C-alpha atoms as a PDB file:
ATOM      1  CA  MET A   1      69.803  87.119 115.434  1.00  0.00           C
ATOM      2  CA  THR A   2      73.324  88.487 115.593  1.00  0.00           C
ATOM      3  CA  PHE A   3      75.990  87.628 118.116  1.00  0.00           C
ATOM      4  CA  LEU A   4      78.625  89.922 119.543  1.00  0.00           C
ATOM      5  CA  ALA A   5      81.654  87.654 119.736  1.00  0.00           C
ATOM      6  CA  ASN A   6      83.742  89.761 122.106  1.00  0.00           C
ATOM      7  CA  PRO A   7      81.837  91.756 124.725  1.00  0.00           C
ATOM      8  CA  HIS A   8      85.000  93.775 125.382  1.00  0.00           C
ATOM      9  CA  ALA A   9      85.620  94.692 121.727  1.00  0.00           C
ATOM     10  CA  GLY A  10      86.930  98.204 121.417  1.00  0.00           C
ATOM     11  CA  TYR A  11      87.876  98.368 125.098  1.00  0.00           C
ATOM     12  CA  TYR A  12      90.247  95.460 125.782  1.00  0.00           C
ATOM     13  CA  ASP A  13      92.325  93.408 123.374  1.00  0.00           C
ATOM     14  CA  ASP A  14      91.505  89.710 123.111  1.00  0.00           C
ATOM     15  CA  VAL A  15      95.113  88.548 123.334  1.00  0.00           C
ATOM     16  CA  ASN A  16      94.285  84.857 123.879  1.00  0.00           C
ATOM     17  CA  LYS A  17      91.568  84.868 121.183  1.00  0.00           C
ATOM     18  CA  SER A  18      89.190  83.406 123.764  1.00  0.00           C
ATOM     19  CA  TYR A  19      86.214  85.253 122.266  1.00  0.00           C
ATOM     20  CA  THR A  20      87.036  84.556 118.620  1.00  0.00           C
ATOM     21  CA  THR A  21      84.835  81.788 117.242  1.00  0.00           C
ATOM     22  CA  TRP A  22      84.150  81.150 113.587  1.00  0.00           C
ATOM     23  CA  TRP A  23      80.499  80.145 114.071  1.00  0.00           C
ATOM     24  CA  MET A  24      79.519  83.512 115.519  1.00  0.00           C
ATOM     25  CA  ASN A  25      81.092  85.319 112.579  1.00  0.00           C
ATOM     26  CA  MET A  26      79.459  82.851 110.184  1.00  0.00           C
ATOM     27  CA  ASN A  27      76.082  83.334 111.882  1.00  0.00           C
ATOM     28  CA  ASN A  28      76.363  87.110 111.614  1.00  0.00           C
ATOM     29  CA  PHE A  29      77.337  86.841 107.943  1.00  0.00           C
ATOM     30  CA  VAL A  30      74.416  84.484 107.176  1.00  0.00           C
ATOM     31  CA  ASP A  31      72.096  86.817 109.086  1.00  0.00           C
ATOM     32  CA  LEU A  32      73.334  89.743 107.014  1.00  0.00           C
ATOM     33  CA  VAL A  33      72.843  87.885 103.712  1.00  0.00           C
ATOM     34  CA  LEU A  34      69.384  86.594 104.666  1.00  0.00           C
ATOM     35  CA  SER A  35      68.356  90.099 105.740  1.00  0.00           C
ATOM     36  CA  LEU A  36      69.406  91.515 102.384  1.00  0.00           C
ATOM     37  CA  ILE A  37      67.548  88.758 100.537  1.00  0.00           C
ATOM     38  CA  SER A  38      64.391  89.251 102.606  1.00  0.00           C
ATOM     39  CA  ILE A  39      64.437  93.021 102.024  1.00  0.00           C
ATOM     40  CA  VAL A  40      64.834  92.550  98.267  1.00  0.00           C
ATOM     41  CA  ILE A  41      61.998  89.989  98.189  1.00  0.00           C
ATOM     42  CA  PHE A  42      59.768  92.256 100.271  1.00  0.00           C
ATOM     43  CA  VAL A  43      60.354  95.278  98.033  1.00  0.00           C
ATOM     44  CA  TYR A  44      59.689  93.157  94.926  1.00  0.00           C
ATOM     45  CA  LEU A  45      56.442  91.742  96.351  1.00  0.00           C
ATOM     46  CA  TYR A  46      55.369  95.198  97.513  1.00  0.00           C
ATOM     47  CA  GLN A  47      55.885  96.621  94.030  1.00  0.00           C
ATOM     48  CA  GLN A  48      53.904  93.757  92.496  1.00  0.00           C
ATOM     49  CA  LYS A  49      51.061  94.320  94.956  1.00  0.00           C
ATOM     50  CA  CYS A  50      51.035  98.077  94.265  1.00  0.00           C
ATOM     51  CA  ARG A  51      50.615  97.387  90.560  1.00  0.00           C
ATOM     52  CA  VAL A  52      47.624  95.132  91.215  1.00  0.00           C
ATOM     53  CA  VAL A  53      45.905  97.219  93.922  1.00  0.00           C
ATOM     54  CA  LYS A  54      46.143 100.710  92.460  1.00  0.00           C
ATOM     55  CA  GLY A  55      44.623 103.375  94.702  1.00  0.00           C
ATOM     56  CA  LYS A  56      43.183 101.131  97.434  1.00  0.00           C
ATOM     57  CA  ASN A  57      44.462 101.765 100.972  1.00  0.00           C
ATOM     58  CA  THR A  58      47.545 103.494  99.615  1.00  0.00           C
ATOM     59  CA  TRP A  59      48.148 105.579 102.769  1.00  0.00           C
ATOM     60  CA  PHE A  60      48.008 102.491 104.995  1.00  0.00           C
ATOM     61  CA  HIS A  61      50.258 100.547 102.622  1.00  0.00           C
ATOM     62  CA  GLN A  62      52.799 103.375 102.528  1.00  0.00           C
ATOM     63  CA  GLN A  63      52.882 103.561 106.316  1.00  0.00           C
ATOM     64  CA  MET A  64      53.289  99.791 106.579  1.00  0.00           C
ATOM     65  CA  PHE A  65      56.047  99.819 103.957  1.00  0.00           C
ATOM     66  CA  ILE A  66      57.963 102.552 105.793  1.00  0.00           C
ATOM     67  CA  GLN A  67      57.602 100.736 109.111  1.00  0.00           C
ATOM     68  CA  ILE A  68      58.864  97.440 107.692  1.00  0.00           C
ATOM     69  CA  VAL A  69      61.763  99.096 105.886  1.00  0.00           C
ATOM     70  CA  LEU A  70      62.795 100.893 109.087  1.00  0.00           C
ATOM     71  CA  ILE A  71      62.689  97.678 111.116  1.00  0.00           C
ATOM     72  CA  HIS A  72      64.681  95.803 108.478  1.00  0.00           C
ATOM     73  CA  SER A  73      67.174  98.653 108.196  1.00  0.00           C
ATOM     74  CA  PHE A  74      67.779  98.642 111.938  1.00  0.00           C
ATOM     75  CA  GLN A  75      68.253  94.870 111.976  1.00  0.00           C
ATOM     76  CA  LEU A  76      70.480  94.986 108.902  1.00  0.00           C
ATOM     77  CA  SER A  77      72.669  97.742 110.316  1.00  0.00           C
ATOM     78  CA  THR A  78      73.001  95.838 113.601  1.00  0.00           C
ATOM     79  CA  SER A  79      74.138  92.646 111.903  1.00  0.00           C
ATOM     80  CA  LEU A  80      76.481  94.604 109.630  1.00  0.00           C
ATOM     81  CA  PHE A  81      77.968  96.438 112.607  1.00  0.00           C
ATOM     82  CA  PHE A  82      78.506  93.232 114.587  1.00  0.00           C
ATOM     83  CA  ASN A  83      79.919  91.375 111.589  1.00  0.00           C
ATOM     84  CA  VAL A  84      82.289  94.043 110.294  1.00  0.00           C
ATOM     85  CA  GLY A  85      82.738  96.651 112.983  1.00  0.00           C
ATOM     86  CA  ARG A  86      83.326  94.665 116.136  1.00  0.00           C
ATOM     87  CA  THR A  87      85.003  91.410 115.120  1.00  0.00           C
ATOM     88  CA  ASP A  88      88.708  91.021 114.551  1.00  0.00           C
ATOM     89  CA  PHE A  89      88.500  88.087 112.060  1.00  0.00           C
ATOM     90  CA  GLY A  90      91.344  86.255 113.780  1.00  0.00           C
ATOM     91  CA  THR A  91      93.972  88.958 113.308  1.00  0.00           C
END
């Protein structure tokens, strides 16, 4: 789960740094790293399973793989956007 530290980011400047907290940025970074790790593990396990189960339910497995990759990609892009695109990192 990602957090948007400043709900006014991009519209109003946070002059007092009232919305800048290190734990939200840290949470978004950890979320980003864990998402990358989970995607890599999933792809590895999927490849191992495809080698073992050659030809059985391949259409269903391909659809499931595409669905999971799309969901992970959306979640990964959201956490990346909130971590890099909308935080000011204390500047």
